[in-house]
PDB file of N, CA and C in Angstrom:
ATOM      1  N   MET A   1      93.228  84.800 103.634  1.00  0.00           N
ATOM      2  CA  MET A   1      91.709  84.805 102.785  1.00  0.00           C
ATOM      3  C   MET A   1      91.535  85.677 101.957  1.00  0.00           C
ATOM      4  N   PRO A   2      91.626  85.723 100.624  1.00  0.00           N
ATOM      5  CA  PRO A   2      91.299  87.391  99.773  1.00  0.00           C
ATOM      6  C   PRO A   2      90.343  87.628 100.661  1.00  0.00           C
ATOM      7  N   VAL A   3      89.709  89.181 100.255  1.00  0.00           N
ATOM      8  CA  VAL A   3      88.562  89.790 100.517  1.00  0.00           C
ATOM      9  C   VAL A   3      87.633  89.311  99.378  1.00  0.00           C
ATOM     10  N   GLN A   4      86.537  89.101  99.773  1.00  0.00           N
ATOM     11  CA  GLN A   4      85.116  89.117  98.531  1.00  0.00           C
ATOM     12  C   GLN A   4      84.656  90.530  98.015  1.00  0.00           C
ATOM     13  N   HIS A   5      85.146  90.891  96.580  1.00  0.00           N
ATOM     14  CA  HIS A   5      85.111  92.099  96.231  1.00  0.00           C
ATOM     15  C   HIS A   5      83.527  92.318  94.965  1.00  0.00           C
ATOM     16  N   SER A   6      82.249  93.255  95.324  1.00  0.00           N
ATOM     17  CA  SER A   6      81.174  93.170  94.483  1.00  0.00           C
ATOM     18  C   SER A   6      81.528  93.317  93.342  1.00  0.00           C
ATOM     19  N   ASN A   7      80.797  93.438  92.362  1.00  0.00           N
ATOM     20  CA  ASN A   7      80.887  93.489  90.625  1.00  0.00           C
ATOM     21  C   ASN A   7      81.467  94.568  90.572  1.00  0.00           C
ATOM     22  N   HIS A   8      81.058  95.887  91.446  1.00  0.00           N
ATOM     23  CA  HIS A   8      81.618  96.959  90.805  1.00  0.00           C
ATOM     24  C   HIS A   8      83.027  97.297  91.056  1.00  0.00           C
ATOM     25  N   GLN A   9      83.570  96.533  92.256  1.00  0.00           N
ATOM     26  CA  GLN A   9      84.864  97.108  92.224  1.00  0.00           C
ATOM     27  C   GLN A   9      86.051  95.848  92.296  1.00  0.00           C
ATOM     28  N   LEU A  10      86.969  96.281  91.958  1.00  0.00           N
ATOM     29  CA  LEU A  10      88.061  95.228  91.640  1.00  0.00           C
ATOM     30  C   LEU A  10      89.025  95.423  92.749  1.00  0.00           C
ATOM     31  N   PRO A  11      89.897  94.333  92.623  1.00  0.00           N
ATOM     32  CA  PRO A  11      91.132  94.533  94.072  1.00  0.00           C
ATOM     33  C   PRO A  11      92.089  95.328  93.372  1.00  0.00           C
ATOM     34  N   VAL A  12      92.654  96.653  94.413  1.00  0.00           N
ATOM     35  CA  VAL A  12      93.546  97.418  94.482  1.00  0.00           C
ATOM     36  C   VAL A  12      94.489  97.032  93.396  1.00  0.00           C
ATOM     37  N   ALA A  13      94.928  95.331  93.564  1.00  0.00           N
ATOM     38  CA  ALA A  13      96.311  95.232  92.558  1.00  0.00           C
ATOM     39  C   ALA A  13      95.532  95.169  91.291  1.00  0.00           C
ATOM     40  N   THR A  14      94.838  94.665  91.112  1.00  0.00           N
ATOM     41  CA  THR A  14      93.822  94.550  89.580  1.00  0.00           C
ATOM     42  C   THR A  14      93.701  96.022  88.964  1.00  0.00           C
ATOM     43  N   ALA A  15      93.424  96.924  89.724  1.00  0.00           N
ATOM     44  CA  ALA A  15      93.039  98.504  89.568  1.00  0.00           C
ATOM     45  C   ALA A  15      94.397  99.119  89.168  1.00  0.00           C
ATOM     46  N   ILE A  16      95.225  98.669  89.755  1.00  0.00           N
ATOM     47  CA  ILE A  16      96.508  99.839  89.926  1.00  0.00           C
ATOM     48  C   ILE A  16      96.818  99.330  88.510  1.00  0.00           C
ATOM     49  N   ARG A  17      97.085  97.639  88.149  1.00  0.00           N
ATOM     50  CA  ARG A  17      97.577  96.755  87.132  1.00  0.00           C
ATOM     51  C   ARG A  17      96.968  97.887  85.970  1.00  0.00           C
ATOM     52  N   MET A  18      95.505  97.740  85.812  1.00  0.00           N
ATOM     53  CA  MET A  18      94.953  98.506  84.845  1.00  0.00           C
ATOM     54  C   MET A  18      95.271  99.797  84.706  1.00  0.00           C
ATOM     55  N   LEU A  19      95.089 100.635  85.844  1.00  0.00           N
ATOM     56  CA  LEU A  19      95.282 101.830  85.363  1.00  0.00           C
ATOM     57  C   LEU A  19      96.633 102.047  84.858  1.00  0.00           C
ATOM     58  N   ARG A  20      97.906 101.344  85.584  1.00  0.00           N
ATOM     59  CA  ARG A  20      99.092 101.867  84.679  1.00  0.00           C
ATOM     60  C   ARG A  20      99.468 101.087  83.336  1.00  0.00           C
ATOM     61  N   THR A  21      98.900 100.206  83.125  1.00  0.00           N
ATOM     62  CA  THR A  21      99.002  99.561  81.542  1.00  0.00           C
ATOM     63  C   THR A  21      98.363 100.607  80.981  1.00  0.00           C
ATOM     64  N   ARG A  22      97.085 101.179  81.124  1.00  0.00           N
ATOM     65  CA  ARG A  22      96.307 101.929  80.182  1.00  0.00           C
ATOM     66  C   ARG A  22      96.712 103.472  80.064  1.00  0.00           C
ATOM     67  N   ALA A  23      97.587 103.345  80.590  1.00  0.00           N
ATOM     68  CA  ALA A  23      98.697 104.902  81.232  1.00  0.00           C
ATOM     69  C   ALA A  23      99.756 104.760  80.165  1.00  0.00           C
ATOM     70  N   GLY A  24     100.331 103.213  79.686  1.00  0.00           N
ATOM     71  CA  GLY A  24     101.573 103.349  78.750  1.00  0.00           C
ATOM     72  C   GLY A  24     102.530 102.968  79.857  1.00  0.00           C
ATOM     73  N   LEU A  25     102.403 102.900  81.313  1.00  0.00           N
ATOM     74  CA  LEU A  25     103.653 102.973  82.163  1.00  0.00           C
ATOM     75  C   LEU A  25     103.912 101.548  82.155  1.00  0.00           C
ATOM     76  N   SER A  26     105.146 101.561  82.382  1.00  0.00           N
ATOM     77  CA  SER A  26     105.909 100.330  82.965  1.00  0.00           C
ATOM     78  C   SER A  26     106.027 100.180  84.589  1.00  0.00           C
ATOM     79  N   GLN A  27     106.253  99.243  85.491  1.00  0.00           N
ATOM     80  CA  GLN A  27     105.980  99.123  87.158  1.00  0.00           C
ATOM     81  C   GLN A  27     107.431 100.448  87.304  1.00  0.00           C
ATOM     82  N   ARG A  28     108.650  99.871  86.411  1.00  0.00           N
ATOM     83  CA  ARG A  28     109.656 101.223  86.749  1.00  0.00           C
ATOM     84  C   ARG A  28     109.027 102.348  86.646  1.00  0.00           C
ATOM     85  N   GLN A  29     108.555 103.023  85.789  1.00  0.00           N
ATOM     86  CA  GLN A  29     108.748 104.541  85.535  1.00  0.00           C
ATOM     87  C   GLN A  29     107.351 104.830  86.270  1.00  0.00           C
ATOM     88  N   LEU A  30     106.188 103.839  86.719  1.00  0.00           N
ATOM     89  CA  LEU A  30     104.948 104.147  87.610  1.00  0.00           C
ATOM     90  C   LEU A  30     106.164 104.490  89.193  1.00  0.00           C
ATOM     91  N   ALA A  31     107.153 103.570  89.233  1.00  0.00           N
ATOM     92  CA  ALA A  31     107.580 103.366  90.725  1.00  0.00           C
ATOM     93  C   ALA A  31     108.213 105.133  90.545  1.00  0.00           C
ATOM     94  N   GLN A  32     109.239 105.130  89.646  1.00  0.00           N
ATOM     95  CA  GLN A  32     109.868 106.471  89.561  1.00  0.00           C
ATOM     96  C   GLN A  32     108.990 107.919  90.048  1.00  0.00           C
ATOM     97  N   ARG A  33     107.519 107.773  89.578  1.00  0.00           N
ATOM     98  CA  ARG A  33     106.359 108.692  89.740  1.00  0.00           C
ATOM     99  C   ARG A  33     106.301 108.771  91.141  1.00  0.00           C
ATOM    100  N   MET A  34     106.371 107.607  91.785  1.00  0.00           N
ATOM    101  CA  MET A  34     105.983 107.745  93.075  1.00  0.00           C
ATOM    102  C   MET A  34     107.128 107.507  94.247  1.00  0.00           C
ATOM    103  N   HIS A  35     108.430 107.443  93.415  1.00  0.00           N
ATOM    104  CA  HIS A  35     110.213 107.984  94.220  1.00  0.00           C
ATOM    105  C   HIS A  35     109.759 106.579  95.392  1.00  0.00           C
ATOM    106  N   VAL A  36     109.385 105.124  94.922  1.00  0.00           N
ATOM    107  CA  VAL A  36     109.501 104.031  95.370  1.00  0.00           C
ATOM    108  C   VAL A  36     110.316 103.058  94.469  1.00  0.00           C
ATOM    109  N   PRO A  37     110.504 101.886  95.260  1.00  0.00           N
ATOM    110  CA  PRO A  37     111.502 100.745  94.052  1.00  0.00           C
ATOM    111  C   PRO A  37     110.688 100.533  93.322  1.00  0.00           C
ATOM    112  N   ARG A  38     110.941  99.767  92.165  1.00  0.00           N
ATOM    113  CA  ARG A  38     110.098  98.509  91.031  1.00  0.00           C
ATOM    114  C   ARG A  38     109.558  97.903  91.827  1.00  0.00           C
ATOM    115  N   THR A  39     110.271  97.292  92.984  1.00  0.00           N
ATOM    116  CA  THR A  39     109.781  96.138  93.461  1.00  0.00           C
ATOM    117  C   THR A  39     108.558  96.306  94.403  1.00  0.00           C
ATOM    118  N   TYR A  40     108.377  97.376  94.697  1.00  0.00           N
ATOM    119  CA  TYR A  40     107.564  97.747  95.715  1.00  0.00           C
ATOM    120  C   TYR A  40     105.920  97.902  94.630  1.00  0.00           C
ATOM    121  N   VAL A  41     106.247  98.560  93.730  1.00  0.00           N
ATOM    122  CA  VAL A  41     104.938  98.120  92.747  1.00  0.00           C
ATOM    123  C   VAL A  41     104.673  97.024  92.463  1.00  0.00           C
ATOM    124  N   SER A  42     105.810  96.196  92.304  1.00  0.00           N
ATOM    125  CA  SER A  42     105.632  94.546  91.318  1.00  0.00           C
ATOM    126  C   SER A  42     104.507  93.849  92.820  1.00  0.00           C
ATOM    127  N   LYS A  43     105.166  94.311  94.209  1.00  0.00           N
ATOM    128  CA  LYS A  43     104.317  93.744  95.448  1.00  0.00           C
ATOM    129  C   LYS A  43     102.837  94.136  95.497  1.00  0.00           C
ATOM    130  N   ILE A  44     102.580  95.081  95.062  1.00  0.00           N
ATOM    131  CA  ILE A  44     101.495  95.807  95.433  1.00  0.00           C
ATOM    132  C   ILE A  44     100.215  94.988  94.060  1.00  0.00           C
ATOM    133  N   GLU A  45     100.800  95.283  93.275  1.00  0.00           N
ATOM    134  CA  GLU A  45     100.340  94.327  91.742  1.00  0.00           C
ATOM    135  C   GLU A  45      99.861  92.789  91.873  1.00  0.00           C
ATOM    136  N   ASN A  46     100.966  92.605  92.457  1.00  0.00           N
ATOM    137  CA  ASN A  46     101.149  90.544  93.167  1.00  0.00           C
ATOM    138  C   ASN A  46     100.243  90.777  94.276  1.00  0.00           C
ATOM    139  N   GLU A  47     100.100  91.073  94.737  1.00  0.00           N
ATOM    140  CA  GLU A  47      99.061  91.022  96.319  1.00  0.00           C
ATOM    141  C   GLU A  47     100.044  91.004  97.247  1.00  0.00           C
ATOM    142  N   LYS A  48     101.081  91.073  97.351  1.00  0.00           N
ATOM    143  CA  LYS A  48     102.101  90.320  98.136  1.00  0.00           C
ATOM    144  C   LYS A  48     102.319  91.610  99.463  1.00  0.00           C
ATOM    145  N   ALA A  49     101.791  93.089  98.886  1.00  0.00           N
ATOM    146  CA  ALA A  49     102.074  94.332  99.461  1.00  0.00           C
ATOM    147  C   ALA A  49     100.819  94.708  99.504  1.00  0.00           C
ATOM    148  N   CYS A  50     100.608  95.201 100.854  1.00  0.00           N
ATOM    149  CA  CYS A  50      99.358  96.557 100.652  1.00  0.00           C
ATOM    150  C   CYS A  50      99.700  97.333 100.973  1.00  0.00           C
ATOM    151  N   PRO A  51      98.917  98.473 100.023  1.00  0.00           N
ATOM    152  CA  PRO A  51      99.367  99.853 100.127  1.00  0.00           C
ATOM    153  C   PRO A  51      98.770 100.779 100.929  1.00  0.00           C
ATOM    154  N   THR A  52      99.655 101.405 101.785  1.00  0.00           N
ATOM    155  CA  THR A  52      99.157 102.339 102.943  1.00  0.00           C
ATOM    156  C   THR A  52      98.330 103.638 101.869  1.00  0.00           C
ATOM    157  N   LEU A  53      97.577 104.383 102.767  1.00  0.00           N
ATOM    158  CA  LEU A  53      97.035 105.257 102.462  1.00  0.00           C
ATOM    159  C   LEU A  53      97.608 106.065 101.499  1.00  0.00           C
ATOM    160  N   SER A  54      98.670 106.481 102.052  1.00  0.00           N
ATOM    161  CA  SER A  54      99.786 107.176 101.886  1.00  0.00           C
ATOM    162  C   SER A  54     100.694 107.116 100.058  1.00  0.00           C
ATOM    163  N   SER A  55     100.833 105.556 100.262  1.00  0.00           N
ATOM    164  CA  SER A  55     101.027 104.938  98.942  1.00  0.00           C
ATOM    165  C   SER A  55     100.035 105.360  97.966  1.00  0.00           C
ATOM    166  N   LEU A  56      98.251 104.976  98.436  1.00  0.00           N
ATOM    167  CA  LEU A  56      97.343 105.065  97.946  1.00  0.00           C
ATOM    168  C   LEU A  56      97.585 106.191  97.023  1.00  0.00           C
ATOM    169  N   GLU A  57      97.716 107.433  97.891  1.00  0.00           N
ATOM    170  CA  GLU A  57      97.805 108.780  97.448  1.00  0.00           C
ATOM    171  C   GLU A  57      98.740 108.656  96.092  1.00  0.00           C
ATOM    172  N   ARG A  58      99.705 108.369  96.745  1.00  0.00           N
ATOM    173  CA  ARG A  58     101.376 108.800  95.691  1.00  0.00           C
ATOM    174  C   ARG A  58     101.120 108.360  94.027  1.00  0.00           C
ATOM    175  N   LEU A  59      99.938 107.014  94.533  1.00  0.00           N
ATOM    176  CA  LEU A  59      99.753 106.324  93.201  1.00  0.00           C
ATOM    177  C   LEU A  59      98.785 106.693  92.510  1.00  0.00           C
ATOM    178  N   ALA A  60      97.563 107.183  93.014  1.00  0.00           N
ATOM    179  CA  ALA A  60      96.652 108.187  92.313  1.00  0.00           C
ATOM    180  C   ALA A  60      97.118 109.205  91.143  1.00  0.00           C
ATOM    181  N   ASP A  61      98.410 110.054  92.395  1.00  0.00           N
ATOM    182  CA  ASP A  61      99.130 111.136  91.519  1.00  0.00           C
ATOM    183  C   ASP A  61      99.682 110.766  90.663  1.00  0.00           C
ATOM    184  N   ALA A  62     100.683 109.740  90.686  1.00  0.00           N
ATOM    185  CA  ALA A  62     101.565 109.337  89.656  1.00  0.00           C
ATOM    186  C   ALA A  62     100.186 108.771  88.313  1.00  0.00           C
ATOM    187  N   LEU A  63      99.386 108.179  88.630  1.00  0.00           N
ATOM    188  CA  LEU A  63      98.349 107.447  87.228  1.00  0.00           C
ATOM    189  C   LEU A  63      97.361 108.778  87.086  1.00  0.00           C
ATOM    190  N   ASN A  64      97.760 109.959  87.773  1.00  0.00           N
ATOM    191  CA  ASN A  64      96.515 111.175  86.919  1.00  0.00           C
ATOM    192  C   ASN A  64      95.103 110.506  87.794  1.00  0.00           C
ATOM    193  N   VAL A  65      94.387 110.052  88.407  1.00  0.00           N
ATOM    194  CA  VAL A  65      92.982 109.470  89.076  1.00  0.00           C
ATOM    195  C   VAL A  65      93.346 109.931  90.346  1.00  0.00           C
ATOM    196  N   ARG A  66      92.079 109.791  90.656  1.00  0.00           N
ATOM    197  CA  ARG A  66      91.425 110.361  92.400  1.00  0.00           C
ATOM    198  C   ARG A  66      91.800 108.689  93.041  1.00  0.00           C
ATOM    199  N   VAL A  67      91.913 108.631  94.275  1.00  0.00           N
ATOM    200  CA  VAL A  67      91.976 107.585  94.889  1.00  0.00           C
ATOM    201  C   VAL A  67      91.095 106.301  94.632  1.00  0.00           C
ATOM    202  N   PRO A  68      89.687 107.071  94.860  1.00  0.00           N
ATOM    203  CA  PRO A  68      88.773 105.865  94.781  1.00  0.00           C
ATOM    204  C   PRO A  68      88.956 105.439  93.454  1.00  0.00           C
ATOM    205  N   ASP A  69      89.375 106.008  92.255  1.00  0.00           N
ATOM    206  CA  ASP A  69      89.484 105.105  91.008  1.00  0.00           C
ATOM    207  C   ASP A  69      90.177 103.883  91.230  1.00  0.00           C
ATOM    208  N   LEU A  70      91.017 104.427  92.111  1.00  0.00           N
ATOM    209  CA  LEU A  70      92.235 102.971  92.604  1.00  0.00           C
ATOM    210  C   LEU A  70      91.319 101.400  93.351  1.00  0.00           C
ATOM    211  N   LEU A  71      90.178 101.874  93.878  1.00  0.00           N
ATOM    212  CA  LEU A  71      89.246 101.155  94.227  1.00  0.00           C
ATOM    213  C   LEU A  71      88.300 100.540  94.255  1.00  0.00           C
ATOM    214  N   THR A  72      87.775 101.016  92.758  1.00  0.00           N
ATOM    215  CA  THR A  72      86.208 101.036  91.780  1.00  0.00           C
ATOM    216  C   THR A  72      86.489 101.148  90.491  1.00  0.00           C
ATOM    217  N   THR A  73      85.845 100.392  89.715  1.00  0.00           N
ATOM    218  CA  THR A  73      86.079 100.785  88.324  1.00  0.00           C
ATOM    219  C   THR A  73      84.687 101.362  88.175  1.00  0.00           C
ATOM    220  N   ASN A  74      84.778 102.400  87.070  1.00  0.00           N
ATOM    221  CA  ASN A  74      83.520 103.047  86.506  1.00  0.00           C
ATOM    222  C   ASN A  74      83.827 103.000  85.017  1.00  0.00           C
ATOM    223  N   GLY A  75      85.168 102.498  84.539  1.00  0.00           N
ATOM    224  CA  GLY A  75      85.516 102.169  83.167  1.00  0.00           C
ATOM    225  C   GLY A  75      84.757 100.943  83.014  1.00  0.00           C
ATOM    226  N   PRO A  76      85.493 100.596  81.909  1.00  0.00           N
ATOM    227  CA  PRO A  76      85.125  99.568  80.652  1.00  0.00           C
ATOM    228  C   PRO A  76      85.834  98.194  81.501  1.00  0.00           C
ATOM    229  N   THR A  77      85.310  97.347  81.807  1.00  0.00           N
ATOM    230  CA  THR A  77      85.874  96.051  82.374  1.00  0.00           C
ATOM    231  C   THR A  77      86.742  95.115  81.357  1.00  0.00           C
ATOM    232  N   LEU A  78      87.638  94.669  82.344  1.00  0.00           N
ATOM    233  CA  LEU A  78      88.548  93.784  81.352  1.00  0.00           C
ATOM    234  C   LEU A  78      87.862  92.700  79.687  1.00  0.00           C
ATOM    235  N   GLU A  79      86.871  92.333  80.263  1.00  0.00           N
ATOM    236  CA  GLU A  79      85.372  91.961  79.484  1.00  0.00           C
ATOM    237  C   GLU A  79      85.317  92.839  78.203  1.00  0.00           C
ATOM    238  N   ASP A  80      84.927  94.209  78.482  1.00  0.00           N
ATOM    239  CA  ASP A  80      84.463  95.207  77.126  1.00  0.00           C
ATOM    240  C   ASP A  80      86.075  95.492  76.655  1.00  0.00           C
ATOM    241  N   ASP A  81      87.083  95.522  77.312  1.00  0.00           N
ATOM    242  CA  ASP A  81      88.658  95.773  76.551  1.00  0.00           C
ATOM    243  C   ASP A  81      88.329  94.741  75.675  1.00  0.00           C
ATOM    244  N   ILE A  82      88.596  93.000  76.058  1.00  0.00           N
ATOM    245  CA  ILE A  82      88.917  92.398  74.908  1.00  0.00           C
ATOM    246  C   ILE A  82      87.681  92.275  74.036  1.00  0.00           C
ATOM    247  N   ARG A  83      86.723  92.551  74.278  1.00  0.00           N
ATOM    248  CA  ARG A  83      85.507  92.383  73.143  1.00  0.00           C
ATOM    249  C   ARG A  83      86.005  93.673  71.754  1.00  0.00           C
ATOM    250  N   GLU A  84      86.674  94.668  72.562  1.00  0.00           N
ATOM    251  CA  GLU A  84      86.950  96.147  71.692  1.00  0.00           C
ATOM    252  C   GLU A  84      88.331  95.498  70.980  1.00  0.00           C
ATOM    253  N   LEU A  85      89.079  94.862  71.548  1.00  0.00           N
ATOM    254  CA  LEU A  85      90.248  94.525  70.797  1.00  0.00           C
ATOM    255  C   LEU A  85      89.919  93.500  69.774  1.00  0.00           C
ATOM    256  N   GLN A  86      89.000  92.600  70.181  1.00  0.00           N
ATOM    257  CA  GLN A  86      88.720  91.458  69.303  1.00  0.00           C
ATOM    258  C   GLN A  86      88.224  92.238  67.769  1.00  0.00           C
ATOM    259  N   HIS A  87      87.724  93.362  68.069  1.00  0.00           N
ATOM    260  CA  HIS A  87      87.240  93.980  66.573  1.00  0.00           C
ATOM    261  C   HIS A  87      87.546  95.165  66.355  1.00  0.00           C
ATOM    262  N   ASP A  88      89.053  95.436  66.438  1.00  0.00           N
ATOM    263  CA  ASP A  88      90.029  95.706  65.867  1.00  0.00           C
ATOM    264  C   ASP A  88      90.138  95.119  64.765  1.00  0.00           C
ATOM    265  N   GLU A  89      90.427  95.973  63.680  1.00  0.00           N
ATOM    266  CA  GLU A  89      90.995  95.114  62.258  1.00  0.00           C
ATOM    267  C   GLU A  89      92.760  94.523  62.691  1.00  0.00           C
ATOM    268  N   PHE A  90      93.243  95.038  63.051  1.00  0.00           N
ATOM    269  CA  PHE A  90      94.581  94.373  62.874  1.00  0.00           C
ATOM    270  C   PHE A  90      94.569  93.790  64.011  1.00  0.00           C
ATOM    271  N   ILE A  91      93.884  93.984  65.319  1.00  0.00           N
ATOM    272  CA  ILE A  91      94.402  92.645  66.457  1.00  0.00           C
ATOM    273  C   ILE A  91      93.734  91.669  65.893  1.00  0.00           C
ATOM    274  N   SER A  92      91.967  91.232  64.893  1.00  0.00           N
ATOM    275  CA  SER A  92      91.656  90.241  64.391  1.00  0.00           C
ATOM    276  C   SER A  92      92.499  89.327  63.702  1.00  0.00           C
ATOM    277  N   GLU A  93      93.105  90.298  63.132  1.00  0.00           N
ATOM    278  CA  GLU A  93      94.351  89.861  61.996  1.00  0.00           C
ATOM    279  C   GLU A  93      95.490  89.190  62.833  1.00  0.00           C
ATOM    280  N   LEU A  94      95.855  89.638  64.017  1.00  0.00           N
ATOM    281  CA  LEU A  94      96.903  88.813  64.261  1.00  0.00           C
ATOM    282  C   LEU A  94      96.703  87.517  65.203  1.00  0.00           C
ATOM    283  N   ILE A  95      95.308  87.840  65.533  1.00  0.00           N
ATOM    284  CA  ILE A  95      94.775  86.495  66.998  1.00  0.00           C
ATOM    285  C   ILE A  95      95.552  85.309  66.011  1.00  0.00           C
ATOM    286  N   PRO A  96      94.892  84.672  64.847  1.00  0.00           N
ATOM    287  CA  PRO A  96      95.662  83.537  64.425  1.00  0.00           C
ATOM    288  C   PRO A  96      96.913  83.124  64.449  1.00  0.00           C
ATOM    289  N   PHE A  97      97.369  83.979  63.981  1.00  0.00           N
ATOM    290  CA  PHE A  97      98.723  83.689  64.162  1.00  0.00           C
ATOM    291  C   PHE A  97      99.754  83.781  65.830  1.00  0.00           C
ATOM    292  N   LEU A  98      98.859  84.994  66.499  1.00  0.00           N
ATOM    293  CA  LEU A  98      99.422  84.805  67.783  1.00  0.00           C
ATOM    294  C   LEU A  98      99.488  83.266  68.559  1.00  0.00           C
ATOM    295  N   ARG A  99      97.856  82.355  68.402  1.00  0.00           N
ATOM    296  CA  ARG A  99      97.816  81.238  68.593  1.00  0.00           C
ATOM    297  C   ARG A  99      99.008  80.072  68.203  1.00  0.00           C
ATOM    298  N   LYS A 100      99.864  80.321  67.400  1.00  0.00           N
ATOM    299  CA  LYS A 100     100.716  79.301  67.201  1.00  0.00           C
ATOM    300  C   LYS A 100     102.319  79.739  67.579  1.00  0.00           C
ATOM    301  N   LEU A 101     102.454  80.853  68.537  1.00  0.00           N
ATOM    302  CA  LEU A 101     103.425  81.273  68.488  1.00  0.00           C
ATOM    303  C   LEU A 101     103.842  80.366  69.735  1.00  0.00           C
ATOM    304  N   ASN A 102     105.326  79.991  69.950  1.00  0.00           N
ATOM    305  CA  ASN A 102     105.792  79.521  71.466  1.00  0.00           C
ATOM    306  C   ASN A 102     106.290  80.845  71.978  1.00  0.00           C
ATOM    307  N   PRO A 103     106.621  80.407  73.907  1.00  0.00           N
ATOM    308  CA  PRO A 103     106.769  81.672  74.836  1.00  0.00           C
ATOM    309  C   PRO A 103     107.966  82.550  74.165  1.00  0.00           C
ATOM    310  N   MET A 104     109.149  81.947  73.412  1.00  0.00           N
ATOM    311  CA  MET A 104     110.068  82.655  73.110  1.00  0.00           C
ATOM    312  C   MET A 104     109.516  83.642  71.924  1.00  0.00           C
ATOM    313  N   GLN A 105     108.760  82.825  70.706  1.00  0.00           N
ATOM    314  CA  GLN A 105     108.573  83.797  69.976  1.00  0.00           C
ATOM    315  C   GLN A 105     107.782  84.835  70.216  1.00  0.00           C
ATOM    316  N   TRP A 106     106.492  84.854  71.189  1.00  0.00           N
ATOM    317  CA  TRP A 106     105.972  85.504  71.844  1.00  0.00           C
ATOM    318  C   TRP A 106     106.938  87.239  72.633  1.00  0.00           C
ATOM    319  N   THR A 107     107.745  86.566  73.729  1.00  0.00           N
ATOM    320  CA  THR A 107     108.553  87.760  74.092  1.00  0.00           C
ATOM    321  C   THR A 107     109.449  88.428  73.201  1.00  0.00           C
ATOM    322  N   SER A 108     109.771  87.598  71.515  1.00  0.00           N
ATOM    323  CA  SER A 108     110.019  88.287  70.534  1.00  0.00           C
ATOM    324  C   SER A 108     109.471  89.262  69.711  1.00  0.00           C
ATOM    325  N   VAL A 109     108.266  89.025  69.799  1.00  0.00           N
ATOM    326  CA  VAL A 109     107.302  89.776  69.179  1.00  0.00           C
ATOM    327  C   VAL A 109     107.157  91.084  70.031  1.00  0.00           C
ATOM    328  N   LEU A 110     107.027  90.704  71.240  1.00  0.00           N
ATOM    329  CA  LEU A 110     106.707  91.863  72.339  1.00  0.00           C
ATOM    330  C   LEU A 110     107.642  92.664  72.603  1.00  0.00           C
ATOM    331  N   ASN A 111     109.140  92.211  72.392  1.00  0.00           N
ATOM    332  CA  ASN A 111     110.164  92.948  72.618  1.00  0.00           C
ATOM    333  C   ASN A 111     110.085  94.017  71.116  1.00  0.00           C
ATOM    334  N   GLN A 112     109.974  93.449  69.870  1.00  0.00           N
ATOM    335  CA  GLN A 112     109.941  94.063  68.997  1.00  0.00           C
ATOM    336  C   GLN A 112     109.093  95.408  68.948  1.00  0.00           C
ATOM    337  N   VAL A 113     107.643  94.828  69.276  1.00  0.00           N
ATOM    338  CA  VAL A 113     106.341  96.131  69.335  1.00  0.00           C
ATOM    339  C   VAL A 113     107.358  97.120  70.446  1.00  0.00           C
ATOM    340  N   ARG A 114     107.691  96.618  71.412  1.00  0.00           N
ATOM    341  CA  ARG A 114     108.215  97.765  72.422  1.00  0.00           C
ATOM    342  C   ARG A 114     109.351  98.470  71.746  1.00  0.00           C
ATOM    343  N   GLU A 115     110.318  98.284  71.176  1.00  0.00           N
ATOM    344  CA  GLU A 115     111.462  99.076  70.611  1.00  0.00           C
ATOM    345  C   GLU A 115     110.455  99.711  69.632  1.00  0.00           C
ATOM    346  N   MET A 116     109.705  99.061  68.756  1.00  0.00           N
ATOM    347  CA  MET A 116     109.251 100.027  68.147  1.00  0.00           C
ATOM    348  C   MET A 116     108.601 101.266  67.887  1.00  0.00           C
ATOM    349  N   THR A 117     107.970 101.253  69.383  1.00  0.00           N
ATOM    350  CA  THR A 117     106.920 102.227  69.984  1.00  0.00           C
ATOM    351  C   THR A 117     107.742 103.079  70.680  1.00  0.00           C
ATOM    352  N   VAL A 118     109.298 102.553  71.334  1.00  0.00           N
ATOM    353  CA  VAL A 118     109.868 103.199  71.875  1.00  0.00           C
ATOM    354  C   VAL A 118     110.902 104.433  71.321  1.00  0.00           C
ATOM    355  N   MET A 119     111.494 103.359  70.610  1.00  0.00           N
ATOM    356  CA  MET A 119     112.487 104.248  69.436  1.00  0.00           C
ATOM    357  C   MET A 119     112.221 104.110  67.954  1.00  0.00           C
ATOM    358  N   PRO A 120     111.115 104.803  67.565  1.00  0.00           N
ATOM    359  CA  PRO A 120     110.818 104.651  66.411  1.00  0.00           C
ATOM    360  C   PRO A 120     111.737 104.958  65.093  1.00  0.00           C
ATOM    361  N   ARG A 121     111.658 103.988  64.108  1.00  0.00           N
ATOM    362  CA  ARG A 121     112.593 104.058  63.206  1.00  0.00           C
ATOM    363  C   ARG A 121     112.475 105.292  62.012  1.00  0.00           C
ATOM    364  N   ARG A 122     113.612 105.845  61.952  1.00  0.00           N
ATOM    365  CA  ARG A 122     113.353 106.380  60.653  1.00  0.00           C
ATOM    366  C   ARG A 122     112.999 106.558  59.280  1.00  0.00           C
ATOM    367  N   THR A 123     112.121 107.118  58.605  1.00  0.00           N
ATOM    368  CA  THR A 123     111.617 106.362  57.607  1.00  0.00           C
ATOM    369  C   THR A 123     112.371 107.062  55.974  1.00  0.00           C
ATOM    370  N   ALA A 124     112.548 106.491  55.408  1.00  0.00           N
ATOM    371  CA  ALA A 124     113.572 107.408  53.975  1.00  0.00           C
ATOM    372  C   ALA A 124     112.573 108.591  53.505  1.00  0.00           C
TER     373      ALA A 124
END
């Protein structure tokens, strides 16, 4: 049975995923920083593995945070992030179109955005 958390705490898995994505890291990149297999990061984020104290220390180092930051949230909540994104001019223009995409189209759009940010095209 999952442990119940108070409002100011997040499950470790959620906090790690949130901090990783905010840092712009893939699971593979985080795993490389920790010197562990990518599958270990995936298992932690999906609550299939419980990180040891040593792993929490390595996670915190890799994410440039403190161990307590992995256990509680002092920053914006997911709802705050969603609200902020909805007020972003670019995102608000995208939302009506995104609702019309099928899963294959979603994947295609995500892959194109990743490619543009990883390897920006040169302009003339």
